[in-house]
């Protein structure tokens, strides 16, 4: 069974870049037709799909976050990463990775990682 695990810093200063990694266990990031997503859950708000990277390396993003978001992959490490630039306290959230192109078709969610943006 596939398992995903997020990692990265739990505290980021305003205006800096948030960088997270999702490690994949029991599966391959290059498996045909699989897509790997990042989602976040800000406090008091709903889930927000941020973007995804497909099995062929194509990345696509939520229009509202596209200007600040980059999703890349490392096939040698079997992981994919999220970078969110120019963060503000509004970017404070629990960040998740999961399999699937977008909500609601997401499965095998990671446990999530709390990221707080604060000086």
C-alpha atoms as a PDB file:
ATOM      1  CA  UNK A   1       0.000   0.000   0.000  1.00  0.00           C
ATOM      2  CA  UNK A   2       1.231   3.445  -0.880  1.00  0.00           C
ATOM      3  CA  UNK A   3       2.116   5.766   1.954  1.00  0.00           C
ATOM      4  CA  UNK A   4       3.005   9.445   1.720  1.00  0.00           C
ATOM      5  CA  UNK A   5       4.918  11.464   4.293  1.00  0.00           C
ATOM      6  CA  UNK A   6       5.352  15.217   4.412  1.00  0.00           C
ATOM      7  CA  UNK A   7       8.448  16.883   5.851  1.00  0.00           C
ATOM      8  CA  UNK A   8       9.806  20.375   6.226  1.00  0.00           C
ATOM      9  CA  UNK A   9      10.058  23.276   8.646  1.00  0.00           C
ATOM     10  CA  UNK A  10       7.151  23.962  10.926  1.00  0.00           C
ATOM     11  CA  UNK A  11       7.856  27.684  11.173  1.00  0.00           C
ATOM     12  CA  UNK A  12       8.530  30.115   8.351  1.00  0.00           C
ATOM     13  CA  UNK A  13       9.030  33.868   8.589  1.00  0.00           C
ATOM     14  CA  UNK A  14       6.845  36.249   6.594  1.00  0.00           C
ATOM     15  CA  UNK A  15       8.148  37.061   3.089  1.00  0.00           C
ATOM     16  CA  UNK A  16      10.290  33.923   3.037  1.00  0.00           C
ATOM     17  CA  UNK A  17       9.779  30.742   1.040  1.00  0.00           C
ATOM     18  CA  UNK A  18       7.955  27.713   2.378  1.00  0.00           C
ATOM     19  CA  UNK A  19       9.502  24.441   1.199  1.00  0.00           C
ATOM     20  CA  UNK A  20       7.989  21.011   1.860  1.00  0.00           C
ATOM     21  CA  UNK A  21       8.753  17.533   0.591  1.00  0.00           C
ATOM     22  CA  UNK A  22       6.497  14.513   0.196  1.00  0.00           C
ATOM     23  CA  UNK A  23       8.237  11.140   0.295  1.00  0.00           C
ATOM     24  CA  UNK A  24       6.507   8.219  -1.417  1.00  0.00           C
ATOM     25  CA  UNK A  25       6.668   4.713   0.025  1.00  0.00           C
ATOM     26  CA  UNK A  26       5.294   1.595  -1.621  1.00  0.00           C
ATOM     27  CA  UNK A  27       4.831   3.268  -4.993  1.00  0.00           C
ATOM     28  CA  UNK A  28       6.647   5.183  -7.710  1.00  0.00           C
ATOM     29  CA  UNK A  29       6.284   8.816  -8.648  1.00  0.00           C
ATOM     30  CA  UNK A  30       6.644   7.817 -12.315  1.00  0.00           C
ATOM     31  CA  UNK A  31       3.796   5.297 -12.308  1.00  0.00           C
ATOM     32  CA  UNK A  32       1.781   5.881 -15.461  1.00  0.00           C
ATOM     33  CA  UNK A  33      -1.189   8.210 -15.130  1.00  0.00           C
ATOM     34  CA  UNK A  34      -0.643   8.941 -11.432  1.00  0.00           C
ATOM     35  CA  UNK A  35      -0.787  12.562 -10.276  1.00  0.00           C
ATOM     36  CA  UNK A  36       0.557  13.812  -6.970  1.00  0.00           C
ATOM     37  CA  UNK A  37      -1.089  16.750  -5.241  1.00  0.00           C
ATOM     38  CA  UNK A  38      -0.499  19.295  -2.510  1.00  0.00           C
ATOM     39  CA  UNK A  39      -3.421  20.482  -0.402  1.00  0.00           C
ATOM     40  CA  UNK A  40      -3.626  22.734   2.617  1.00  0.00           C
ATOM     41  CA  UNK A  41      -6.090  23.353   5.409  1.00  0.00           C
ATOM     42  CA  UNK A  42      -5.902  26.808   6.999  1.00  0.00           C
ATOM     43  CA  UNK A  43      -7.375  27.173  10.491  1.00  0.00           C
ATOM     44  CA  UNK A  44     -11.091  27.854  10.393  1.00  0.00           C
ATOM     45  CA  UNK A  45     -11.276  27.399   6.618  1.00  0.00           C
ATOM     46  CA  UNK A  46     -11.860  24.578   4.150  1.00  0.00           C
ATOM     47  CA  UNK A  47      -9.398  22.414   2.315  1.00  0.00           C
ATOM     48  CA  UNK A  48      -7.595  24.125  -0.548  1.00  0.00           C
ATOM     49  CA  UNK A  49      -6.020  22.226  -3.424  1.00  0.00           C
ATOM     50  CA  UNK A  50      -2.763  23.949  -4.339  1.00  0.00           C
ATOM     51  CA  UNK A  51      -1.399  22.080  -7.296  1.00  0.00           C
ATOM     52  CA  UNK A  52      -0.069  18.791  -8.575  1.00  0.00           C
ATOM     53  CA  UNK A  53       2.612  17.110 -10.617  1.00  0.00           C
ATOM     54  CA  UNK A  54       1.831  14.319 -13.025  1.00  0.00           C
ATOM     55  CA  UNK A  55       3.687  11.077 -13.701  1.00  0.00           C
ATOM     56  CA  UNK A  56       5.417  12.703 -16.685  1.00  0.00           C
ATOM     57  CA  UNK A  57       6.621  15.687 -14.682  1.00  0.00           C
ATOM     58  CA  UNK A  58       3.985  18.151 -15.851  1.00  0.00           C
ATOM     59  CA  UNK A  59       2.977  20.503 -13.045  1.00  0.00           C
ATOM     60  CA  UNK A  60      -0.223  22.485 -12.778  1.00  0.00           C
ATOM     61  CA  UNK A  61      -1.508  24.872 -10.168  1.00  0.00           C
ATOM     62  CA  UNK A  62      -4.507  26.468  -8.575  1.00  0.00           C
ATOM     63  CA  UNK A  63      -5.042  29.800 -10.354  1.00  0.00           C
ATOM     64  CA  UNK A  64      -5.164  31.630  -7.039  1.00  0.00           C
ATOM     65  CA  UNK A  65      -1.711  30.383  -6.032  1.00  0.00           C
ATOM     66  CA  UNK A  66      -0.009  29.936  -9.372  1.00  0.00           C
ATOM     67  CA  UNK A  67       2.133  33.045  -9.153  1.00  0.00           C
ATOM     68  CA  UNK A  68       3.704  31.902  -5.855  1.00  0.00           C
ATOM     69  CA  UNK A  69       3.787  28.105  -6.207  1.00  0.00           C
ATOM     70  CA  UNK A  70       6.239  25.644  -7.671  1.00  0.00           C
ATOM     71  CA  UNK A  71       5.912  21.865  -7.546  1.00  0.00           C
ATOM     72  CA  UNK A  72       8.850  19.729  -8.594  1.00  0.00           C
ATOM     73  CA  UNK A  73       9.913  16.119  -8.274  1.00  0.00           C
ATOM     74  CA  UNK A  74      13.042  14.078  -7.722  1.00  0.00           C
ATOM     75  CA  UNK A  75      12.641  10.705  -9.360  1.00  0.00           C
ATOM     76  CA  UNK A  76      15.881   9.410  -7.839  1.00  0.00           C
ATOM     77  CA  UNK A  77      14.523  10.038  -4.336  1.00  0.00           C
ATOM     78  CA  UNK A  78      10.927   9.160  -5.248  1.00  0.00           C
ATOM     79  CA  UNK A  79       9.578  12.378  -3.797  1.00  0.00           C
ATOM     80  CA  UNK A  80       7.967  15.617  -4.827  1.00  0.00           C
ATOM     81  CA  UNK A  81       8.229  19.070  -3.353  1.00  0.00           C
ATOM     82  CA  UNK A  82       6.254  22.243  -2.840  1.00  0.00           C
ATOM     83  CA  UNK A  83       7.667  25.725  -2.768  1.00  0.00           C
ATOM     84  CA  UNK A  84       5.471  28.680  -1.851  1.00  0.00           C
ATOM     85  CA  UNK A  85       7.091  32.084  -2.066  1.00  0.00           C
ATOM     86  CA  UNK A  86       6.446  35.362  -0.262  1.00  0.00           C
ATOM     87  CA  UNK A  87       4.461  33.752   2.524  1.00  0.00           C
ATOM     88  CA  UNK A  88       2.243  35.678   4.906  1.00  0.00           C
ATOM     89  CA  UNK A  89       0.419  34.589   8.080  1.00  0.00           C
ATOM     90  CA  UNK A  90      -2.507  33.720   5.779  1.00  0.00           C
ATOM     91  CA  UNK A  91      -0.416  30.791   4.541  1.00  0.00           C
ATOM     92  CA  UNK A  92      -0.459  29.209   7.990  1.00  0.00           C
ATOM     93  CA  UNK A  93      -2.073  25.801   7.549  1.00  0.00           C
ATOM     94  CA  UNK A  94      -1.709  22.067   7.765  1.00  0.00           C
ATOM     95  CA  UNK A  95      -0.164  20.982   4.476  1.00  0.00           C
ATOM     96  CA  UNK A  96      -0.917  17.586   2.959  1.00  0.00           C
ATOM     97  CA  UNK A  97       0.244  15.563   0.001  1.00  0.00           C
ATOM     98  CA  UNK A  98      -1.971  12.974  -1.651  1.00  0.00           C
ATOM     99  CA  UNK A  99      -2.453  10.953  -4.822  1.00  0.00           C
ATOM    100  CA  UNK A 100      -4.840  12.319  -7.412  1.00  0.00           C
ATOM    101  CA  UNK A 101      -5.263  15.257  -9.787  1.00  0.00           C
ATOM    102  CA  UNK A 102      -7.457  17.441  -7.584  1.00  0.00           C
ATOM    103  CA  UNK A 103     -10.218  17.344  -4.992  1.00  0.00           C
ATOM    104  CA  UNK A 104     -12.326  15.390  -4.410  1.00  0.00           C
ATOM    105  CA  UNK A 105     -10.480  12.610  -6.259  1.00  0.00           C
ATOM    106  CA  UNK A 106      -7.608  12.334  -3.796  1.00  0.00           C
ATOM    107  CA  UNK A 107      -6.429   9.261  -1.968  1.00  0.00           C
ATOM    108  CA  UNK A 108      -3.633   8.016   0.289  1.00  0.00           C
ATOM    109  CA  UNK A 109      -3.243  11.304   2.101  1.00  0.00           C
ATOM    110  CA  UNK A 110      -0.132  11.929   4.153  1.00  0.00           C
ATOM    111  CA  UNK A 111      -0.536  12.675   7.839  1.00  0.00           C
ATOM    112  CA  UNK A 112      -0.063  16.382   7.229  1.00  0.00           C
ATOM    113  CA  UNK A 113       2.423  18.894   8.559  1.00  0.00           C
ATOM    114  CA  UNK A 114       1.611  22.068  10.450  1.00  0.00           C
ATOM    115  CA  UNK A 115       3.331  25.131   9.015  1.00  0.00           C
ATOM    116  CA  UNK A 116       3.065  28.438  10.834  1.00  0.00           C
ATOM    117  CA  UNK A 117       4.073  31.718   9.245  1.00  0.00           C
ATOM    118  CA  UNK A 118       5.188  34.086  11.949  1.00  0.00           C
ATOM    119  CA  UNK A 119       8.068  36.371  12.811  1.00  0.00           C
END
